[in-house]
């Protein structure tokens, strides 16, 4: 379980860092991109990814 959370976080960080169109143009991400702008959404997703990684490291299941 922890590995899955860490991998989700790494995936989120990687996609936001590389600025993939398929990731940022997803229908679930569009409102956030519209609200924060593309770079703001990238920063938000990087922060969320870091939080996932930290949760995966520190939460024991």
C-alpha atoms as a PDB file:
ATOM      1  CA  UNK A   1       0.000   0.000   0.000  1.00  0.00           C
ATOM      2  CA  UNK A   2       2.769   2.431   0.907  1.00  0.00           C
ATOM      3  CA  UNK A   3       4.585   1.686  -2.337  1.00  0.00           C
ATOM      4  CA  UNK A   4       1.447   2.517  -4.342  1.00  0.00           C
ATOM      5  CA  UNK A   5       1.043   5.867  -2.578  1.00  0.00           C
ATOM      6  CA  UNK A   6       4.711   6.704  -3.151  1.00  0.00           C
ATOM      7  CA  UNK A   7       4.467   5.734  -6.830  1.00  0.00           C
ATOM      8  CA  UNK A   8       1.366   7.899  -7.279  1.00  0.00           C
ATOM      9  CA  UNK A   9       3.243  10.825  -5.771  1.00  0.00           C
ATOM     10  CA  UNK A  10       6.289  10.280  -7.970  1.00  0.00           C
ATOM     11  CA  UNK A  11       4.040   9.997 -11.034  1.00  0.00           C
ATOM     12  CA  UNK A  12       2.282  13.252 -10.121  1.00  0.00           C
ATOM     13  CA  UNK A  13       5.590  15.073  -9.571  1.00  0.00           C
ATOM     14  CA  UNK A  14       7.097  13.724 -12.792  1.00  0.00           C
ATOM     15  CA  UNK A  15       4.104  14.611 -14.977  1.00  0.00           C
ATOM     16  CA  UNK A  16       3.838  18.103 -13.501  1.00  0.00           C
ATOM     17  CA  UNK A  17       7.578  18.696 -13.899  1.00  0.00           C
ATOM     18  CA  UNK A  18       7.599  17.521 -17.527  1.00  0.00           C
ATOM     19  CA  UNK A  19       4.400  19.526 -18.223  1.00  0.00           C
ATOM     20  CA  UNK A  20       2.714  16.741 -20.183  1.00  0.00           C
ATOM     21  CA  UNK A  21      -0.303  17.960 -22.148  1.00  0.00           C
ATOM     22  CA  UNK A  22      -2.281  14.759 -21.580  1.00  0.00           C
ATOM     23  CA  UNK A  23      -1.872  15.254 -17.823  1.00  0.00           C
ATOM     24  CA  UNK A  24      -2.706  18.964 -17.680  1.00  0.00           C
ATOM     25  CA  UNK A  25      -5.511  18.829 -20.257  1.00  0.00           C
ATOM     26  CA  UNK A  26      -7.356  16.062 -18.416  1.00  0.00           C
ATOM     27  CA  UNK A  27     -10.968  17.007 -17.729  1.00  0.00           C
ATOM     28  CA  UNK A  28     -10.353  16.741 -13.973  1.00  0.00           C
ATOM     29  CA  UNK A  29      -7.315  19.042 -14.122  1.00  0.00           C
ATOM     30  CA  UNK A  30      -8.831  21.694 -16.403  1.00  0.00           C
ATOM     31  CA  UNK A  31     -10.671  23.629 -13.652  1.00  0.00           C
ATOM     32  CA  UNK A  32      -7.465  23.831 -11.623  1.00  0.00           C
ATOM     33  CA  UNK A  33      -5.472  24.974 -14.666  1.00  0.00           C
ATOM     34  CA  UNK A  34      -8.135  27.579 -15.389  1.00  0.00           C
ATOM     35  CA  UNK A  35      -8.078  28.792 -11.772  1.00  0.00           C
ATOM     36  CA  UNK A  36      -4.312  28.836 -11.138  1.00  0.00           C
ATOM     37  CA  UNK A  37      -2.889  28.985 -14.637  1.00  0.00           C
ATOM     38  CA  UNK A  38      -0.746  26.231 -16.093  1.00  0.00           C
ATOM     39  CA  UNK A  39       2.368  26.976 -14.032  1.00  0.00           C
ATOM     40  CA  UNK A  40       0.328  27.375 -10.864  1.00  0.00           C
ATOM     41  CA  UNK A  41      -1.330  24.017 -11.477  1.00  0.00           C
ATOM     42  CA  UNK A  42       2.085  22.445 -12.047  1.00  0.00           C
ATOM     43  CA  UNK A  43       3.310  23.777  -8.695  1.00  0.00           C
ATOM     44  CA  UNK A  44       0.107  22.542  -7.032  1.00  0.00           C
ATOM     45  CA  UNK A  45       0.529  19.040  -8.476  1.00  0.00           C
ATOM     46  CA  UNK A  46       4.189  18.947  -7.431  1.00  0.00           C
ATOM     47  CA  UNK A  47       3.177  19.858  -3.869  1.00  0.00           C
ATOM     48  CA  UNK A  48       0.433  17.205  -3.903  1.00  0.00           C
ATOM     49  CA  UNK A  49       2.950  14.658  -5.199  1.00  0.00           C
ATOM     50  CA  UNK A  50       5.398  15.520  -2.422  1.00  0.00           C
ATOM     51  CA  UNK A  51       2.604  15.107   0.122  1.00  0.00           C
ATOM     52  CA  UNK A  52       1.756  11.665  -1.322  1.00  0.00           C
ATOM     53  CA  UNK A  53       5.393  10.586  -1.131  1.00  0.00           C
ATOM     54  CA  UNK A  54       5.717  11.788   2.461  1.00  0.00           C
ATOM     55  CA  UNK A  55       2.462  10.073   3.447  1.00  0.00           C
ATOM     56  CA  UNK A  56       3.659   6.857   1.841  1.00  0.00           C
ATOM     57  CA  UNK A  57       6.912   7.044   3.771  1.00  0.00           C
ATOM     58  CA  UNK A  58       5.559   8.002   7.177  1.00  0.00           C
ATOM     59  CA  UNK A  59       2.177   6.259   7.368  1.00  0.00           C
ATOM     60  CA  UNK A  60       2.402   2.626   8.326  1.00  0.00           C
ATOM     61  CA  UNK A  61      -0.411   0.367   7.279  1.00  0.00           C
END
